[in-house]
Amino acid sequence: EHLKRLGVRADRPLIGLNTGAGGRWPLKQWRLEGFVEVIDAISRATGAQFLLLGGPSEESRNEAISRATAGHAVFDPGCHNPVRHFAGLVAGCDVVVTGDTLAMHLALALKRRTVVIFGPTSAPEIELYGLGEKVIPDMTCLSCYKNACDFVPNCMDLVSTDMVASAVTRQLAACGRRWQA
């Protein structure tokens, strides 16, 4: 019902973008501009819709992304949804793009196609159960578990828009619905 009230159409793919990572691991958070660029690239190629996901810490990020993507089908359900409601929003998505976060665990539990962006946490420790793919930058210090970094660019800065957009395109195709990219 929430998705219908927002104006999400059932005849077009819905890609959930979990834009943050909470306060404990700020380096798990991919760059805001990357999300904007992915929305532009995927929207032009597929006509997909996007659902901005996150908790209270992501409210200003999601507002900025929404402003920067005016003209695309980007929906913001708010960042103060109870966990069960948040899970319901994730369940409505065809593909979820996220870091190593609660949204990743929910998406996999709900059998959603998932693109997981890794940096400071360990990609080998996470099983995707054949439901998606990991986007991992080429950097020797991955899995450092640091919440601050001296490297410029850092691991998350090395994740390119093309790396994420290509993964999303492959996961949309894996959905097997008529909107395959």
N, C-alpha and C. Protein backbone atom coordinates (compact mmCIF):
# COMPACT_ATOMS: atom_id res chain seq x y z
N GLU A 1 0.82 -1.20 0.00
CA GLU A 1 0.00 0.00 0.00
C GLU A 1 0.86 1.26 0.00
N HIS A 2 1.93 1.26 0.78
CA HIS A 2 2.81 2.42 0.84
C HIS A 2 3.40 2.71 -0.54
N LEU A 3 3.84 1.67 -1.23
CA LEU A 3 4.40 1.85 -2.57
C LEU A 3 3.36 2.40 -3.54
N LYS A 4 2.14 1.91 -3.45
CA LYS A 4 1.06 2.43 -4.31
C LYS A 4 0.79 3.89 -4.02
N ARG A 5 0.76 4.26 -2.74
CA ARG A 5 0.52 5.67 -2.38
C ARG A 5 1.62 6.59 -2.90
N LEU A 6 2.84 6.06 -2.96
CA LEU A 6 3.96 6.85 -3.48
C LEU A 6 3.87 7.04 -4.99
N GLY A 7 3.13 6.14 -5.67
CA GLY A 7 3.02 6.21 -7.12
C GLY A 7 3.88 5.20 -7.86
N VAL A 8 4.43 4.21 -7.13
CA VAL A 8 5.23 3.18 -7.77
C VAL A 8 4.34 2.34 -8.68
N ARG A 9 4.81 2.13 -9.90
CA ARG A 9 4.05 1.36 -10.89
C ARG A 9 4.48 -0.10 -10.86
N ALA A 10 3.51 -1.00 -10.92
CA ALA A 10 3.80 -2.44 -10.89
C ALA A 10 4.34 -2.96 -12.22
N ASP A 11 4.19 -2.18 -13.29
CA ASP A 11 4.62 -2.64 -14.61
C ASP A 11 6.05 -2.21 -14.97
N ARG A 12 6.76 -1.65 -14.03
CA ARG A 12 8.15 -1.23 -14.26
C ARG A 12 9.02 -1.75 -13.13
N PRO A 13 10.29 -2.05 -13.42
CA PRO A 13 11.16 -2.57 -12.35
C PRO A 13 11.37 -1.55 -11.25
N LEU A 14 11.51 -2.04 -10.04
CA LEU A 14 11.76 -1.19 -8.87
C LEU A 14 13.09 -1.60 -8.26
N ILE A 15 14.01 -0.63 -8.21
CA ILE A 15 15.33 -0.85 -7.66
C ILE A 15 15.44 -0.09 -6.35
N GLY A 16 15.67 -0.81 -5.28
CA GLY A 16 15.86 -0.19 -3.98
C GLY A 16 17.31 0.22 -3.80
N LEU A 17 17.51 1.45 -3.35
CA LEU A 17 18.86 1.95 -3.09
C LEU A 17 18.99 2.27 -1.62
N ASN A 18 19.68 1.43 -0.89
CA ASN A 18 19.95 1.69 0.52
C ASN A 18 21.19 2.58 0.55
N THR A 19 20.99 3.85 0.83
CA THR A 19 22.01 4.86 0.57
C THR A 19 23.01 5.09 1.69
N GLY A 20 22.82 4.49 2.82
CA GLY A 20 23.72 4.74 3.95
C GLY A 20 24.18 3.47 4.59
N ALA A 21 24.71 3.63 5.79
CA ALA A 21 25.23 2.48 6.53
C ALA A 21 25.15 2.69 8.03
N GLY A 22 24.35 3.64 8.47
CA GLY A 22 24.25 3.90 9.89
C GLY A 22 25.49 4.58 10.42
N GLY A 23 25.55 4.80 11.71
CA GLY A 23 26.64 5.55 12.30
C GLY A 23 27.87 4.74 12.67
N ARG A 24 27.74 3.44 12.86
CA ARG A 24 28.87 2.61 13.32
C ARG A 24 29.98 2.48 12.28
N TRP A 25 29.61 2.32 11.01
CA TRP A 25 30.57 2.08 9.93
C TRP A 25 30.40 3.11 8.82
N PRO A 26 30.78 4.35 9.01
CA PRO A 26 30.58 5.36 7.96
C PRO A 26 31.27 5.03 6.65
N LEU A 27 32.35 4.25 6.67
CA LEU A 27 33.04 3.91 5.42
C LEU A 27 32.29 2.88 4.58
N LYS A 28 31.27 2.24 5.12
CA LYS A 28 30.45 1.32 4.32
C LYS A 28 29.56 2.09 3.34
N GLN A 29 29.46 3.36 3.53
CA GLN A 29 28.55 4.21 2.76
C GLN A 29 29.18 4.59 1.42
N TRP A 30 28.50 4.27 0.32
CA TRP A 30 28.98 4.65 -1.00
C TRP A 30 28.69 6.12 -1.23
N ARG A 31 29.38 6.74 -2.15
CA ARG A 31 29.26 8.18 -2.40
C ARG A 31 27.88 8.55 -2.95
N LEU A 32 27.37 9.65 -2.48
CA LEU A 32 26.05 10.14 -2.88
C LEU A 32 25.98 10.32 -4.39
N GLU A 33 27.02 10.89 -4.99
CA GLU A 33 27.03 11.12 -6.44
C GLU A 33 26.92 9.81 -7.21
N GLY A 34 27.46 8.75 -6.66
CA GLY A 34 27.37 7.44 -7.31
C GLY A 34 25.93 6.99 -7.45
N PHE A 35 25.15 7.18 -6.40
CA PHE A 35 23.73 6.81 -6.48
C PHE A 35 23.01 7.65 -7.53
N VAL A 36 23.31 8.93 -7.57
CA VAL A 36 22.69 9.82 -8.57
C VAL A 36 23.05 9.35 -9.97
N GLU A 37 24.32 9.04 -10.20
CA GLU A 37 24.77 8.58 -11.51
C GLU A 37 24.15 7.24 -11.90
N VAL A 38 24.01 6.33 -10.95
CA VAL A 38 23.39 5.04 -11.23
C VAL A 38 21.93 5.23 -11.61
N ILE A 39 21.24 6.09 -10.88
CA ILE A 39 19.83 6.35 -11.21
C ILE A 39 19.72 6.86 -12.64
N ASP A 40 20.56 7.80 -13.00
CA ASP A 40 20.51 8.36 -14.35
C ASP A 40 20.81 7.29 -15.40
N ALA A 41 21.86 6.53 -15.21
CA ALA A 41 22.26 5.52 -16.20
C ALA A 41 21.22 4.41 -16.34
N ILE A 42 20.77 3.85 -15.23
CA ILE A 42 19.83 2.73 -15.28
C ILE A 42 18.45 3.20 -15.75
N SER A 43 18.03 4.37 -15.32
CA SER A 43 16.73 4.89 -15.72
C SER A 43 16.66 5.07 -17.23
N ARG A 44 17.70 5.65 -17.80
CA ARG A 44 17.72 5.85 -19.25
C ARG A 44 17.73 4.52 -20.00
N ALA A 45 18.42 3.53 -19.48
CA ALA A 45 18.55 2.24 -20.16
C ALA A 45 17.34 1.33 -20.00
N THR A 46 16.64 1.42 -18.87
CA THR A 46 15.59 0.44 -18.57
C THR A 46 14.23 1.02 -18.23
N GLY A 47 14.15 2.30 -17.92
CA GLY A 47 12.90 2.87 -17.46
C GLY A 47 12.55 2.46 -16.04
N ALA A 48 13.55 2.01 -15.31
CA ALA A 48 13.32 1.54 -13.94
C ALA A 48 12.89 2.68 -13.02
N GLN A 49 12.28 2.28 -11.93
CA GLN A 49 11.93 3.18 -10.83
C GLN A 49 12.89 2.89 -9.68
N PHE A 50 13.06 3.87 -8.80
CA PHE A 50 14.00 3.72 -7.70
C PHE A 50 13.34 4.08 -6.39
N LEU A 51 13.63 3.28 -5.37
CA LEU A 51 13.11 3.50 -4.04
C LEU A 51 14.29 3.78 -3.11
N LEU A 52 14.31 4.97 -2.52
CA LEU A 52 15.39 5.34 -1.61
C LEU A 52 15.13 4.73 -0.24
N LEU A 53 16.08 3.97 0.24
CA LEU A 53 15.93 3.26 1.51
C LEU A 53 16.96 3.78 2.51
N GLY A 54 16.62 3.70 3.77
CA GLY A 54 17.56 4.07 4.83
C GLY A 54 16.83 4.36 6.11
N GLY A 55 17.62 4.57 7.13
CA GLY A 55 17.10 4.93 8.44
C GLY A 55 17.26 6.41 8.68
N PRO A 56 17.02 6.87 9.90
CA PRO A 56 17.09 8.30 10.21
C PRO A 56 18.40 8.96 9.80
N SER A 57 19.51 8.23 9.84
CA SER A 57 20.80 8.81 9.46
C SER A 57 20.89 9.15 7.98
N GLU A 58 20.03 8.54 7.18
CA GLU A 58 20.08 8.75 5.73
C GLU A 58 19.09 9.79 5.23
N GLU A 59 18.35 10.41 6.11
CA GLU A 59 17.30 11.34 5.69
C GLU A 59 17.84 12.45 4.78
N SER A 60 18.91 13.12 5.17
CA SER A 60 19.42 14.22 4.34
C SER A 60 20.06 13.69 3.06
N ARG A 61 20.70 12.53 3.10
CA ARG A 61 21.26 11.92 1.87
C ARG A 61 20.15 11.63 0.87
N ASN A 62 19.07 11.01 1.36
CA ASN A 62 17.97 10.66 0.46
C ASN A 62 17.30 11.90 -0.11
N GLU A 63 17.16 12.93 0.69
CA GLU A 63 16.58 14.19 0.19
C GLU A 63 17.48 14.78 -0.90
N ALA A 64 18.79 14.75 -0.71
CA ALA A 64 19.73 15.29 -1.70
C ALA A 64 19.68 14.46 -2.99
N ILE A 65 19.61 13.15 -2.87
CA ILE A 65 19.52 12.29 -4.05
C ILE A 65 18.21 12.55 -4.79
N SER A 66 17.14 12.68 -4.04
CA SER A 66 15.84 12.95 -4.65
C SER A 66 15.86 14.27 -5.43
N ARG A 67 16.44 15.30 -4.84
CA ARG A 67 16.54 16.60 -5.53
C ARG A 67 17.40 16.49 -6.79
N ALA A 68 18.49 15.76 -6.69
CA ALA A 68 19.44 15.67 -7.81
C ALA A 68 18.91 14.79 -8.95
N THR A 69 17.87 14.02 -8.69
CA THR A 69 17.35 13.11 -9.72
C THR A 69 15.94 13.47 -10.15
N ALA A 70 15.56 14.72 -9.94
CA ALA A 70 14.24 15.18 -10.38
C ALA A 70 14.08 14.85 -11.86
N GLY A 71 12.93 14.37 -12.22
CA GLY A 71 12.69 13.97 -13.60
C GLY A 71 12.79 12.47 -13.80
N HIS A 72 13.37 11.78 -12.86
CA HIS A 72 13.41 10.31 -12.88
C HIS A 72 12.37 9.81 -11.90
N ALA A 73 12.00 8.56 -12.03
CA ALA A 73 11.01 7.95 -11.14
C ALA A 73 11.72 7.50 -9.85
N VAL A 74 11.93 8.45 -8.94
CA VAL A 74 12.61 8.19 -7.68
C VAL A 74 11.62 8.47 -6.55
N PHE A 75 11.44 7.49 -5.69
CA PHE A 75 10.47 7.60 -4.61
C PHE A 75 11.17 7.52 -3.26
N ASP A 76 10.77 8.38 -2.35
CA ASP A 76 11.34 8.40 -1.01
C ASP A 76 10.24 8.07 -0.01
N PRO A 77 10.25 6.85 0.55
CA PRO A 77 9.22 6.45 1.50
C PRO A 77 9.47 6.97 2.92
N GLY A 78 10.50 7.77 3.09
CA GLY A 78 10.85 8.27 4.41
C GLY A 78 11.86 7.37 5.09
N CYS A 79 12.47 7.90 6.11
CA CYS A 79 13.56 7.19 6.81
C CYS A 79 13.22 6.85 8.25
N HIS A 80 11.95 6.89 8.59
CA HIS A 80 11.54 6.59 9.97
C HIS A 80 10.55 5.43 10.01
N ASN A 81 10.76 4.46 9.12
CA ASN A 81 9.87 3.31 9.06
C ASN A 81 10.31 2.25 10.07
N PRO A 82 9.36 1.65 10.79
CA PRO A 82 9.73 0.54 11.68
C PRO A 82 10.37 -0.59 10.86
N VAL A 83 11.14 -1.44 11.50
CA VAL A 83 11.89 -2.48 10.79
C VAL A 83 10.98 -3.36 9.94
N ARG A 84 9.84 -3.76 10.45
CA ARG A 84 8.94 -4.62 9.68
C ARG A 84 8.43 -3.90 8.44
N HIS A 85 8.14 -2.61 8.57
CA HIS A 85 7.70 -1.82 7.42
C HIS A 85 8.84 -1.67 6.42
N PHE A 86 10.04 -1.40 6.94
CA PHE A 86 11.23 -1.30 6.09
C PHE A 86 11.42 -2.60 5.30
N ALA A 87 11.25 -3.74 5.98
CA ALA A 87 11.34 -5.03 5.31
C ALA A 87 10.29 -5.16 4.22
N GLY A 88 9.10 -4.65 4.47
CA GLY A 88 8.05 -4.67 3.45
C GLY A 88 8.43 -3.84 2.23
N LEU A 89 9.08 -2.71 2.45
CA LEU A 89 9.54 -1.89 1.33
C LEU A 89 10.60 -2.63 0.53
N VAL A 90 11.54 -3.27 1.22
CA VAL A 90 12.57 -4.06 0.55
C VAL A 90 11.93 -5.18 -0.25
N ALA A 91 10.92 -5.82 0.30
CA ALA A 91 10.23 -6.92 -0.39
C ALA A 91 9.57 -6.47 -1.69
N GLY A 92 9.23 -5.19 -1.78
CA GLY A 92 8.61 -4.67 -2.99
C GLY A 92 9.59 -4.40 -4.11
N CYS A 93 10.87 -4.51 -3.84
CA CYS A 93 11.90 -4.21 -4.84
C CYS A 93 12.25 -5.45 -5.66
N ASP A 94 12.62 -5.23 -6.90
CA ASP A 94 13.13 -6.31 -7.74
C ASP A 94 14.61 -6.53 -7.48
N VAL A 95 15.36 -5.44 -7.32
CA VAL A 95 16.79 -5.47 -7.03
C VAL A 95 17.04 -4.47 -5.91
N VAL A 96 17.94 -4.81 -4.99
CA VAL A 96 18.33 -3.91 -3.91
C VAL A 96 19.83 -3.69 -4.00
N VAL A 97 20.24 -2.41 -4.00
CA VAL A 97 21.65 -2.03 -3.98
C VAL A 97 21.94 -1.52 -2.57
N THR A 98 22.95 -2.08 -1.94
CA THR A 98 23.22 -1.77 -0.55
C THR A 98 24.67 -2.07 -0.20
N GLY A 99 25.11 -1.54 0.89
CA GLY A 99 26.37 -1.96 1.47
C GLY A 99 26.10 -3.18 2.35
N ASP A 100 27.08 -3.54 3.13
CA ASP A 100 26.98 -4.64 4.09
C ASP A 100 26.18 -4.11 5.29
N THR A 101 24.84 -4.13 5.17
CA THR A 101 23.96 -3.48 6.13
C THR A 101 22.74 -4.35 6.41
N LEU A 102 21.87 -3.87 7.28
CA LEU A 102 20.60 -4.53 7.55
C LEU A 102 19.81 -4.74 6.25
N ALA A 103 19.82 -3.76 5.38
CA ALA A 103 19.07 -3.89 4.12
C ALA A 103 19.57 -5.08 3.30
N MET A 104 20.86 -5.33 3.32
CA MET A 104 21.41 -6.49 2.61
C MET A 104 20.85 -7.78 3.20
N HIS A 105 20.89 -7.89 4.51
CA HIS A 105 20.39 -9.11 5.17
C HIS A 105 18.90 -9.30 4.91
N LEU A 106 18.13 -8.23 4.97
CA LEU A 106 16.69 -8.33 4.69
C LEU A 106 16.43 -8.72 3.24
N ALA A 107 17.13 -8.08 2.31
CA ALA A 107 16.94 -8.38 0.89
C ALA A 107 17.21 -9.85 0.61
N LEU A 108 18.30 -10.37 1.16
CA LEU A 108 18.62 -11.77 0.93
C LEU A 108 17.59 -12.69 1.59
N ALA A 109 17.16 -12.36 2.81
CA ALA A 109 16.14 -13.16 3.49
C ALA A 109 14.82 -13.17 2.72
N LEU A 110 14.54 -12.06 2.04
CA LEU A 110 13.31 -11.93 1.27
C LEU A 110 13.47 -12.39 -0.17
N LYS A 111 14.63 -12.95 -0.48
CA LYS A 111 14.94 -13.50 -1.80
C LYS A 111 14.86 -12.45 -2.91
N ARG A 112 15.32 -11.26 -2.62
CA ARG A 112 15.42 -10.19 -3.62
C ARG A 112 16.80 -10.28 -4.27
N ARG A 113 16.88 -9.95 -5.55
CA ARG A 113 18.18 -9.83 -6.21
C ARG A 113 18.92 -8.69 -5.50
N THR A 114 20.20 -8.88 -5.19
CA THR A 114 20.92 -7.93 -4.36
C THR A 114 22.30 -7.64 -4.93
N VAL A 115 22.63 -6.35 -4.98
CA VAL A 115 23.97 -5.89 -5.35
C VAL A 115 24.56 -5.29 -4.09
N VAL A 116 25.66 -5.89 -3.60
CA VAL A 116 26.26 -5.45 -2.34
C VAL A 116 27.61 -4.80 -2.62
N ILE A 117 27.75 -3.57 -2.17
CA ILE A 117 29.00 -2.82 -2.33
C ILE A 117 29.83 -3.03 -1.06
N PHE A 118 31.02 -3.61 -1.24
CA PHE A 118 31.91 -3.88 -0.11
C PHE A 118 33.11 -2.95 -0.13
N GLY A 119 33.62 -2.65 1.06
CA GLY A 119 34.83 -1.86 1.23
C GLY A 119 35.54 -2.28 2.49
N PRO A 120 35.21 -1.65 3.63
CA PRO A 120 35.95 -1.92 4.86
C PRO A 120 35.55 -3.22 5.57
N THR A 121 34.49 -3.87 5.13
CA THR A 121 34.10 -5.13 5.77
C THR A 121 34.38 -6.29 4.80
N SER A 122 34.33 -7.49 5.30
CA SER A 122 34.79 -8.67 4.57
C SER A 122 33.73 -9.26 3.64
N ALA A 123 33.96 -9.13 2.35
CA ALA A 123 33.05 -9.72 1.36
C ALA A 123 33.02 -11.25 1.44
N PRO A 124 34.15 -11.93 1.67
CA PRO A 124 34.10 -13.39 1.73
C PRO A 124 33.25 -13.94 2.89
N GLU A 125 32.99 -13.14 3.90
CA GLU A 125 32.19 -13.61 5.03
C GLU A 125 30.69 -13.59 4.75
N ILE A 126 30.29 -13.00 3.64
CA ILE A 126 28.87 -12.86 3.33
C ILE A 126 28.48 -13.80 2.20
N GLU A 127 27.46 -14.60 2.42
CA GLU A 127 26.92 -15.51 1.41
C GLU A 127 25.70 -14.85 0.77
N LEU A 128 25.67 -14.81 -0.55
CA LEU A 128 24.53 -14.21 -1.26
C LEU A 128 23.52 -15.26 -1.73
N TYR A 129 23.78 -16.52 -1.53
CA TYR A 129 22.84 -17.61 -1.83
C TYR A 129 22.37 -17.59 -3.28
N GLY A 130 23.25 -17.18 -4.20
CA GLY A 130 22.88 -17.15 -5.61
C GLY A 130 21.90 -16.05 -5.97
N LEU A 131 21.73 -15.07 -5.07
CA LEU A 131 20.73 -14.03 -5.29
C LEU A 131 21.32 -12.69 -5.71
N GLY A 132 22.59 -12.65 -6.05
CA GLY A 132 23.12 -11.36 -6.43
C GLY A 132 24.61 -11.39 -6.65
N GLU A 133 25.21 -10.23 -6.50
CA GLU A 133 26.65 -10.14 -6.69
C GLU A 133 27.25 -9.07 -5.80
N LYS A 134 28.54 -9.25 -5.59
CA LYS A 134 29.31 -8.33 -4.75
C LYS A 134 30.11 -7.40 -5.65
N VAL A 135 30.10 -6.12 -5.30
CA VAL A 135 30.93 -5.13 -5.98
C VAL A 135 32.07 -4.81 -5.03
N ILE A 136 33.28 -5.15 -5.46
CA ILE A 136 34.45 -5.04 -4.58
C ILE A 136 35.54 -4.25 -5.31
N PRO A 137 35.99 -3.17 -4.73
CA PRO A 137 37.05 -2.39 -5.38
C PRO A 137 38.39 -3.12 -5.33
N ASP A 138 39.30 -2.72 -6.20
CA ASP A 138 40.63 -3.31 -6.24
C ASP A 138 41.54 -2.49 -5.32
N MET A 139 41.69 -2.99 -4.09
CA MET A 139 42.51 -2.29 -3.10
C MET A 139 43.05 -3.34 -2.13
N THR A 140 44.29 -3.24 -1.75
CA THR A 140 44.93 -4.28 -0.94
C THR A 140 44.51 -4.28 0.52
N CYS A 141 43.96 -3.19 1.02
CA CYS A 141 43.65 -3.13 2.46
C CYS A 141 42.18 -3.40 2.77
N LEU A 142 41.44 -4.02 1.86
CA LEU A 142 40.03 -4.30 2.12
C LEU A 142 39.86 -5.14 3.37
N SER A 143 38.69 -5.09 3.93
CA SER A 143 38.34 -5.80 5.17
C SER A 143 39.13 -5.29 6.36
N CYS A 144 39.41 -4.00 6.38
CA CYS A 144 40.17 -3.40 7.48
C CYS A 144 39.30 -3.15 8.71
N TYR A 145 38.00 -3.09 8.51
CA TYR A 145 37.03 -2.81 9.57
C TYR A 145 37.26 -1.47 10.27
N LYS A 146 37.88 -0.55 9.57
CA LYS A 146 38.08 0.78 10.14
C LYS A 146 36.84 1.63 9.88
N ASN A 147 36.60 2.60 10.75
CA ASN A 147 35.50 3.53 10.49
C ASN A 147 36.03 4.89 10.06
N ALA A 148 37.33 5.01 9.85
CA ALA A 148 37.96 6.19 9.26
C ALA A 148 39.17 5.69 8.47
N CYS A 149 39.54 6.44 7.41
CA CYS A 149 40.60 5.97 6.53
C CYS A 149 41.47 7.14 6.09
N ASP A 150 42.78 6.88 5.99
CA ASP A 150 43.73 7.89 5.54
C ASP A 150 43.98 7.83 4.04
N PHE A 151 43.54 6.76 3.37
CA PHE A 151 43.81 6.60 1.95
C PHE A 151 42.89 7.50 1.12
N VAL A 152 43.47 8.13 0.12
CA VAL A 152 42.71 8.94 -0.83
C VAL A 152 43.14 8.49 -2.23
N PRO A 153 42.24 7.91 -3.00
CA PRO A 153 40.86 7.60 -2.66
C PRO A 153 40.78 6.39 -1.74
N ASN A 154 39.69 6.33 -0.96
CA ASN A 154 39.48 5.16 -0.10
C ASN A 154 38.76 4.07 -0.90
N CYS A 155 38.55 2.93 -0.28
CA CYS A 155 37.96 1.79 -0.97
C CYS A 155 36.60 2.09 -1.59
N MET A 156 35.76 2.81 -0.88
CA MET A 156 34.43 3.10 -1.42
C MET A 156 34.49 4.12 -2.55
N ASP A 157 35.49 4.99 -2.54
CA ASP A 157 35.68 5.93 -3.66
C ASP A 157 36.08 5.19 -4.93
N LEU A 158 36.69 4.01 -4.78
CA LEU A 158 37.14 3.24 -5.95
C LEU A 158 36.03 2.41 -6.58
N VAL A 159 34.86 2.40 -5.98
CA VAL A 159 33.71 1.72 -6.59
C VAL A 159 33.12 2.69 -7.60
N SER A 160 33.22 2.33 -8.87
CA SER A 160 32.75 3.22 -9.93
C SER A 160 31.25 3.06 -10.18
N THR A 161 30.70 4.08 -10.78
CA THR A 161 29.29 4.03 -11.18
C THR A 161 29.06 2.86 -12.13
N ASP A 162 29.98 2.67 -13.06
CA ASP A 162 29.83 1.59 -14.02
C ASP A 162 29.82 0.22 -13.35
N MET A 163 30.65 0.03 -12.32
CA MET A 163 30.68 -1.25 -11.61
C MET A 163 29.30 -1.55 -11.02
N VAL A 164 28.69 -0.56 -10.40
CA VAL A 164 27.38 -0.76 -9.77
C VAL A 164 26.28 -0.86 -10.82
N ALA A 165 26.27 0.02 -11.80
CA ALA A 165 25.23 0.00 -12.83
C ALA A 165 25.26 -1.31 -13.61
N SER A 166 26.45 -1.81 -13.92
CA SER A 166 26.56 -3.09 -14.63
C SER A 166 26.01 -4.24 -13.78
N ALA A 167 26.32 -4.23 -12.50
CA ALA A 167 25.80 -5.27 -11.61
C ALA A 167 24.28 -5.20 -11.52
N VAL A 168 23.74 -4.00 -11.42
CA VAL A 168 22.28 -3.84 -11.36
C VAL A 168 21.64 -4.36 -12.65
N THR A 169 22.23 -4.03 -13.78
CA THR A 169 21.70 -4.48 -15.07
C THR A 169 21.68 -6.01 -15.14
N ARG A 170 22.75 -6.64 -14.69
CA ARG A 170 22.79 -8.11 -14.68
C ARG A 170 21.72 -8.68 -13.74
N GLN A 171 21.52 -8.06 -12.59
CA GLN A 171 20.54 -8.56 -11.63
C GLN A 171 19.11 -8.34 -12.12
N LEU A 172 18.88 -7.24 -12.83
CA LEU A 172 17.56 -7.04 -13.45
C LEU A 172 17.27 -8.15 -14.45
N ALA A 173 18.27 -8.50 -15.26
CA ALA A 173 18.10 -9.58 -16.23
C ALA A 173 17.83 -10.91 -15.53
N ALA A 174 18.46 -11.11 -14.37
CA ALA A 174 18.27 -12.36 -13.62
C ALA A 174 16.88 -12.45 -13.00
N CYS A 175 16.18 -11.33 -12.91
CA CYS A 175 14.81 -11.35 -12.37
C CYS A 175 13.87 -12.13 -13.27
N GLY A 176 14.20 -12.17 -14.58
CA GLY A 176 13.38 -12.94 -15.50
C GLY A 176 12.05 -12.31 -15.85
N ARG A 177 11.88 -11.03 -15.57
CA ARG A 177 10.63 -10.37 -15.92
C ARG A 177 10.78 -9.65 -17.23
N ARG A 178 9.73 -9.15 -17.79
CA ARG A 178 9.74 -8.56 -19.13
C ARG A 178 10.59 -7.31 -19.28
N TRP A 179 11.07 -6.74 -18.18
CA TRP A 179 11.86 -5.53 -18.28
C TRP A 179 13.36 -5.81 -18.27
N GLN A 180 13.72 -6.99 -18.65
CA GLN A 180 15.15 -7.31 -18.67
C GLN A 180 15.91 -6.27 -19.47
N ALA A 181 17.07 -5.89 -18.91
CA ALA A 181 17.91 -4.88 -19.57
C ALA A 181 18.69 -5.51 -20.70
